[in-house]
Amino acid sequence: MEEDTEFEELEDMEELESLEDDLELLPICMNCNQFLPDTMAGPTEYGICIRDDLWEPYLDALLEAPHLAPCQDLIAQNRFLGERDVCDHFEPLEVVDVASDSLLGIALQIFEETGHMDLELLEQLKKWAEEPSD
């Protein structure tokens, strides 16, 4: 009976992997590379489109540390629900799997839990990224 349970779990995993392979992101603003969430404090369905000329003076700050950008009031006034239909400039997100036990996976988990990136860990990531690959 134990073998049956293991076999069923294996089938469920294969089915899940198959579904993930077939999954396509919906063509909504939230799934566009130009969409920036309005907060980094947690999950949100609201954001801004950085393609809008309004954000040009703040673009570097928004991309570096959106939660610290000097335009927070402007973001609050111009945010919109990310589930709206896309425009002609839609650029679909690229989904990248990151192993949870990798340095990047750990850094992302810390960021998700705290809303802050550990600077020491970030420095380790930079050094790792700069190392020549075999």
Protein backbone atom coordinates (compact mmCIF):
# COMPACT_ATOMS: atom_id res chain seq x y z
CA MET A 1 0.00 0.00 0.00
CA GLU A 2 2.90 2.32 0.73
CA GLU A 3 4.12 1.86 -2.87
CA ASP A 4 0.72 2.95 -4.21
CA THR A 5 0.90 6.17 -2.22
CA GLU A 6 4.41 6.92 -3.51
CA PHE A 7 3.28 6.20 -7.08
CA GLU A 8 0.27 8.52 -6.69
CA GLU A 9 2.52 11.28 -5.31
CA LEU A 10 4.87 10.82 -8.26
CA GLU A 11 1.95 11.06 -10.71
CA ASP A 12 0.74 14.23 -8.94
CA MET A 13 4.21 15.77 -9.22
CA GLU A 14 4.44 14.91 -12.92
CA GLU A 15 0.98 16.38 -13.48
CA LEU A 16 1.97 19.56 -11.66
CA GLU A 17 5.19 19.87 -13.69
CA SER A 18 3.19 19.38 -16.88
CA LEU A 19 0.76 22.11 -15.85
CA GLU A 20 3.66 24.44 -15.05
CA ASP A 21 5.16 23.80 -18.49
CA ASP A 22 1.86 24.65 -20.17
CA LEU A 23 1.16 27.68 -18.01
CA GLU A 24 1.30 30.95 -19.86
CA LEU A 25 1.09 34.29 -18.16
CA LEU A 26 -2.11 36.16 -18.86
CA PRO A 27 -1.69 39.26 -21.03
CA ILE A 28 -2.36 41.75 -18.24
CA CYS A 29 -0.25 44.69 -17.09
CA MET A 30 0.88 42.87 -13.95
CA ASN A 31 2.64 40.31 -16.18
CA CYS A 32 4.58 42.94 -18.15
CA ASN A 33 8.24 43.85 -17.66
CA GLN A 34 7.21 47.52 -17.61
CA PHE A 35 4.88 47.08 -14.59
CA LEU A 36 6.36 48.04 -11.21
CA PRO A 37 4.44 47.16 -8.04
CA ASP A 38 3.45 50.20 -6.00
CA THR A 39 4.97 48.72 -2.84
CA MET A 40 7.71 46.32 -1.87
CA ALA A 41 6.22 45.76 1.58
CA GLY A 42 4.26 42.72 0.45
CA PRO A 43 2.03 41.34 -2.28
CA THR A 44 0.03 43.93 -4.19
CA GLU A 45 -2.12 44.05 -7.28
CA TYR A 46 -1.42 47.74 -7.86
CA GLY A 47 1.48 49.38 -9.59
CA ILE A 48 2.69 51.78 -12.24
CA CYS A 49 3.90 51.47 -15.80
CA ILE A 50 7.47 52.75 -15.94
CA ARG A 51 7.09 53.24 -19.69
CA ASP A 52 4.95 56.31 -18.90
CA ASP A 53 6.92 59.55 -19.47
CA LEU A 54 5.82 60.70 -16.02
CA TRP A 55 8.41 58.37 -14.47
CA GLU A 56 11.39 59.39 -16.64
CA PRO A 57 12.94 61.75 -14.02
CA TYR A 58 12.67 59.00 -11.37
CA LEU A 59 13.51 55.94 -13.45
CA ASP A 60 16.95 55.20 -11.99
CA ALA A 61 15.65 55.53 -8.42
CA LEU A 62 12.60 53.40 -9.21
CA LEU A 63 14.67 50.61 -10.68
CA GLU A 64 17.32 50.69 -7.95
CA ALA A 65 15.11 50.95 -4.86
CA PRO A 66 11.45 51.62 -5.70
CA HIS A 67 10.39 51.85 -2.06
CA LEU A 68 12.93 54.65 -1.50
CA ALA A 69 12.30 56.60 -4.71
CA PRO A 70 11.49 60.28 -4.09
CA CYS A 71 8.14 60.02 -5.90
CA GLN A 72 6.05 57.97 -3.45
CA ASP A 73 3.17 60.49 -3.49
CA LEU A 74 3.16 60.41 -7.29
CA ILE A 75 3.09 56.60 -7.23
CA ALA A 76 0.12 56.67 -4.83
CA GLN A 77 -1.74 59.09 -7.13
CA ASN A 78 -1.02 57.22 -10.38
CA ARG A 79 -1.08 53.56 -9.41
CA PHE A 80 -3.56 51.26 -11.14
CA LEU A 81 -4.83 47.71 -10.86
CA GLY A 82 -2.39 45.41 -12.64
CA GLU A 83 -5.14 43.15 -13.93
CA ARG A 84 -6.14 45.55 -16.70
CA ASP A 85 -5.66 44.71 -20.37
CA VAL A 86 -2.23 45.37 -21.85
CA CYS A 87 -1.20 48.06 -24.30
CA ASP A 88 0.80 47.69 -27.52
CA HIS A 89 4.06 47.86 -25.53
CA PHE A 90 3.43 44.66 -23.55
CA GLU A 91 6.63 42.75 -22.76
CA PRO A 92 5.85 39.42 -21.08
CA LEU A 93 7.73 38.57 -17.93
CA GLU A 94 10.35 35.88 -18.13
CA VAL A 95 9.84 33.36 -15.36
CA VAL A 96 13.10 32.04 -13.93
CA ASP A 97 13.27 29.16 -11.46
CA VAL A 98 15.60 29.85 -8.55
CA ALA A 99 16.63 27.03 -6.23
CA SER A 100 15.54 27.96 -2.71
CA ASP A 101 18.83 26.72 -1.27
CA SER A 102 20.98 28.79 -3.63
CA LEU A 103 22.51 32.07 -2.51
CA LEU A 104 20.05 34.00 -4.67
CA GLY A 105 17.14 31.89 -3.40
CA ILE A 106 18.11 32.59 0.19
CA ALA A 107 18.49 36.32 -0.53
CA LEU A 108 15.06 36.42 -2.17
CA GLN A 109 13.49 34.55 0.73
CA ILE A 110 15.00 37.03 3.21
CA PHE A 111 13.76 39.93 1.07
CA GLU A 112 10.28 38.41 0.87
CA GLU A 113 10.13 37.93 4.64
CA THR A 114 11.65 41.24 5.70
CA GLY A 115 11.20 43.60 2.78
CA HIS A 116 14.93 44.37 3.02
CA MET A 117 17.92 42.97 1.21
CA ASP A 118 20.81 41.98 3.44
CA LEU A 119 23.74 44.08 2.17
CA GLU A 120 26.36 41.50 3.12
CA LEU A 121 24.45 38.82 1.25
CA LEU A 122 24.05 41.18 -1.69
CA GLU A 123 27.83 41.69 -1.77
CA GLN A 124 28.31 37.91 -1.78
CA LEU A 125 25.88 37.67 -4.70
CA LYS A 126 27.82 40.32 -6.63
CA LYS A 127 31.12 38.49 -6.05
CA TRP A 128 29.52 35.21 -7.09
CA ALA A 129 28.10 36.77 -10.26
CA GLU A 130 31.51 38.21 -11.17
CA GLU A 131 33.33 34.89 -10.79
CA PRO A 132 34.29 33.33 -14.11
CA SER A 133 32.25 30.26 -14.94
CA ASP A 134 33.87 27.01 -15.99
